[in-house]
Amino acid sequence: MTTQIQENGNQIIAKFSGRLDTAAAVQTAEDVKLLQEAANKVIVLDCSELEYISSSGLRIFLGIRKEAANHGSKVIVRNINADIRQVFMMTGFISLFEIQ
């Protein structure tokens, strides 16, 4: 699991690659701290290379959303595959995020 973060104007983009499972969640949580510090920007979570997300991964996404909401910003989730979309639908996350 890798996370790449880059700023692009008023957006900060995190690109996730691999499996965001319980084992990877500890490092990923560290990797995304920059997102929480930049929560006044629009946060884009690019999931085009994300293969799987566990409940630990969902918790990370939820923490990012909460921090953005506290700063009056938003989180956009891009390019989720069908399996992850199903997880988002089953957990209600589909209504918590703007999905593109």
C-alpha atoms as a PDB file:
ATOM      1  CA  MET A   1       0.000   0.000   0.000  1.00  0.00           C
ATOM      2  CA  THR A   2       1.338   3.399  -0.997  1.00  0.00           C
ATOM      3  CA  THR A   3      -0.032   6.904  -0.621  1.00  0.00           C
ATOM      4  CA  GLN A   4       1.195   9.806  -2.721  1.00  0.00           C
ATOM      5  CA  ILE A   5       0.166  13.327  -1.760  1.00  0.00           C
ATOM      6  CA  GLN A   6       0.497  16.445  -3.883  1.00  0.00           C
ATOM      7  CA  GLU A   7      -0.925  19.945  -3.775  1.00  0.00           C
ATOM      8  CA  ASN A   8      -2.592  21.391  -6.846  1.00  0.00           C
ATOM      9  CA  GLY A   9      -3.819  24.948  -6.321  1.00  0.00           C
ATOM     10  CA  ASN A  10      -6.711  24.891  -3.849  1.00  0.00           C
ATOM     11  CA  GLN A  11      -6.747  21.075  -3.819  1.00  0.00           C
ATOM     12  CA  ILE A  12      -4.637  18.496  -2.100  1.00  0.00           C
ATOM     13  CA  ILE A  13      -4.711  15.100  -3.794  1.00  0.00           C
ATOM     14  CA  ALA A  14      -3.939  11.765  -2.168  1.00  0.00           C
ATOM     15  CA  LYS A  15      -3.499   8.829  -4.519  1.00  0.00           C
ATOM     16  CA  PHE A  16      -3.907   5.409  -2.919  1.00  0.00           C
ATOM     17  CA  SER A  17      -2.393   2.288  -4.510  1.00  0.00           C
ATOM     18  CA  GLY A  18      -2.814  -1.289  -3.327  1.00  0.00           C
ATOM     19  CA  ARG A  19      -4.855  -2.737  -0.497  1.00  0.00           C
ATOM     20  CA  LEU A  20      -5.906  -0.478   2.382  1.00  0.00           C
ATOM     21  CA  ASP A  21      -6.386  -3.272   4.890  1.00  0.00           C
ATOM     22  CA  THR A  22      -5.843  -3.365   8.648  1.00  0.00           C
ATOM     23  CA  ALA A  23      -2.125  -4.043   8.272  1.00  0.00           C
ATOM     24  CA  ALA A  24      -1.617  -1.071   5.942  1.00  0.00           C
ATOM     25  CA  ALA A  25      -3.882   1.293   7.900  1.00  0.00           C
ATOM     26  CA  VAL A  26      -1.281   2.234  10.522  1.00  0.00           C
ATOM     27  CA  GLN A  27       1.198   3.549   7.939  1.00  0.00           C
ATOM     28  CA  THR A  28      -1.561   5.078   5.811  1.00  0.00           C
ATOM     29  CA  ALA A  29      -2.890   6.991   8.821  1.00  0.00           C
ATOM     30  CA  GLU A  30       0.594   8.480   9.246  1.00  0.00           C
ATOM     31  CA  ASP A  31       0.834   9.250   5.534  1.00  0.00           C
ATOM     32  CA  VAL A  32      -2.439  11.207   5.456  1.00  0.00           C
ATOM     33  CA  LYS A  33      -1.706  13.455   8.435  1.00  0.00           C
ATOM     34  CA  LEU A  34      -0.710  16.101   5.905  1.00  0.00           C
ATOM     35  CA  LEU A  35      -4.288  16.000   4.582  1.00  0.00           C
ATOM     36  CA  GLN A  36      -5.684  16.759   8.004  1.00  0.00           C
ATOM     37  CA  GLU A  37      -3.264  19.667   8.392  1.00  0.00           C
ATOM     38  CA  ALA A  38      -4.388  21.050   4.995  1.00  0.00           C
ATOM     39  CA  ALA A  39      -8.096  20.489   5.649  1.00  0.00           C
ATOM     40  CA  ASN A  40      -8.928  24.052   4.607  1.00  0.00           C
ATOM     41  CA  LYS A  41      -8.341  22.927   0.991  1.00  0.00           C
ATOM     42  CA  VAL A  42     -10.523  20.644  -1.085  1.00  0.00           C
ATOM     43  CA  ILE A  43      -9.226  17.129  -0.452  1.00  0.00           C
ATOM     44  CA  VAL A  44      -9.319  14.656  -3.324  1.00  0.00           C
ATOM     45  CA  LEU A  45      -8.904  10.965  -2.542  1.00  0.00           C
ATOM     46  CA  ASP A  46      -7.874   9.310  -5.808  1.00  0.00           C
ATOM     47  CA  CYS A  47      -8.745   5.630  -5.562  1.00  0.00           C
ATOM     48  CA  SER A  48      -7.996   4.660  -9.158  1.00  0.00           C
ATOM     49  CA  GLU A  49      -5.324   2.203  -7.978  1.00  0.00           C
ATOM     50  CA  LEU A  50      -6.959   1.224  -4.680  1.00  0.00           C
ATOM     51  CA  GLU A  51      -7.827  -2.465  -4.842  1.00  0.00           C
ATOM     52  CA  TYR A  52      -9.501  -2.988  -1.455  1.00  0.00           C
ATOM     53  CA  ILE A  53     -10.557  -1.032   1.625  1.00  0.00           C
ATOM     54  CA  SER A  54     -11.209  -2.481   5.083  1.00  0.00           C
ATOM     55  CA  SER A  55     -13.066  -0.949   8.008  1.00  0.00           C
ATOM     56  CA  SER A  56      -9.724   0.482   9.173  1.00  0.00           C
ATOM     57  CA  GLY A  57      -9.365   2.224   5.823  1.00  0.00           C
ATOM     58  CA  LEU A  58     -12.923   3.522   6.007  1.00  0.00           C
ATOM     59  CA  ARG A  59     -12.111   4.963   9.427  1.00  0.00           C
ATOM     60  CA  ILE A  60      -9.179   6.857   7.898  1.00  0.00           C
ATOM     61  CA  PHE A  61     -11.419   8.283   5.168  1.00  0.00           C
ATOM     62  CA  LEU A  62     -13.981   9.278   7.797  1.00  0.00           C
ATOM     63  CA  GLY A  63     -11.320  11.060   9.868  1.00  0.00           C
ATOM     64  CA  ILE A  64     -10.228  13.026   6.801  1.00  0.00           C
ATOM     65  CA  ARG A  65     -13.843  13.987   6.089  1.00  0.00           C
ATOM     66  CA  LYS A  66     -14.423  15.089   9.680  1.00  0.00           C
ATOM     67  CA  GLU A  67     -11.347  17.305   9.685  1.00  0.00           C
ATOM     68  CA  ALA A  68     -12.306  18.857   6.344  1.00  0.00           C
ATOM     69  CA  ALA A  69     -15.851  19.524   7.576  1.00  0.00           C
ATOM     70  CA  ASN A  70     -14.435  21.208  10.691  1.00  0.00           C
ATOM     71  CA  HIS A  71     -12.588  23.603   8.371  1.00  0.00           C
ATOM     72  CA  GLY A  72     -15.550  24.195   6.043  1.00  0.00           C
ATOM     73  CA  SER A  73     -14.012  22.177   3.245  1.00  0.00           C
ATOM     74  CA  LYS A  74     -15.014  18.998   1.449  1.00  0.00           C
ATOM     75  CA  VAL A  75     -13.621  15.633   0.411  1.00  0.00           C
ATOM     76  CA  ILE A  76     -14.027  14.227  -3.083  1.00  0.00           C
ATOM     77  CA  VAL A  77     -13.486  10.515  -3.682  1.00  0.00           C
ATOM     78  CA  ARG A  78     -12.499   9.737  -7.266  1.00  0.00           C
ATOM     79  CA  ASN A  79     -12.287   6.615  -9.365  1.00  0.00           C
ATOM     80  CA  ILE A  80     -13.495   3.908  -6.996  1.00  0.00           C
ATOM     81  CA  ASN A  81     -13.845   0.439  -8.457  1.00  0.00           C
ATOM     82  CA  ALA A  82     -17.089  -1.565  -8.291  1.00  0.00           C
ATOM     83  CA  ASP A  83     -16.071  -3.506  -5.172  1.00  0.00           C
ATOM     84  CA  ILE A  84     -15.187  -0.382  -3.213  1.00  0.00           C
ATOM     85  CA  ARG A  85     -18.360   1.346  -4.448  1.00  0.00           C
ATOM     86  CA  GLN A  86     -20.317  -1.625  -3.041  1.00  0.00           C
ATOM     87  CA  VAL A  87     -18.577  -1.223   0.334  1.00  0.00           C
ATOM     88  CA  PHE A  88     -19.380   2.503   0.294  1.00  0.00           C
ATOM     89  CA  MET A  89     -23.031   1.740  -0.485  1.00  0.00           C
ATOM     90  CA  MET A  90     -23.355  -0.936   2.212  1.00  0.00           C
ATOM     91  CA  THR A  91     -21.794   1.285   4.889  1.00  0.00           C
ATOM     92  CA  GLY A  92     -23.574   4.505   3.930  1.00  0.00           C
ATOM     93  CA  PHE A  93     -20.300   6.201   2.986  1.00  0.00           C
ATOM     94  CA  ILE A  94     -21.728   6.838  -0.481  1.00  0.00           C
ATOM     95  CA  SER A  95     -23.821   9.657   1.036  1.00  0.00           C
ATOM     96  CA  LEU A  96     -20.959  11.077   3.120  1.00  0.00           C
ATOM     97  CA  PHE A  97     -18.617  11.852   0.252  1.00  0.00           C
ATOM     98  CA  GLU A  98     -18.834  13.469  -3.137  1.00  0.00           C
ATOM     99  CA  ILE A  99     -18.070  10.567  -5.488  1.00  0.00           C
ATOM    100  CA  GLN A 100     -16.624  11.303  -8.936  1.00  0.00           C
END
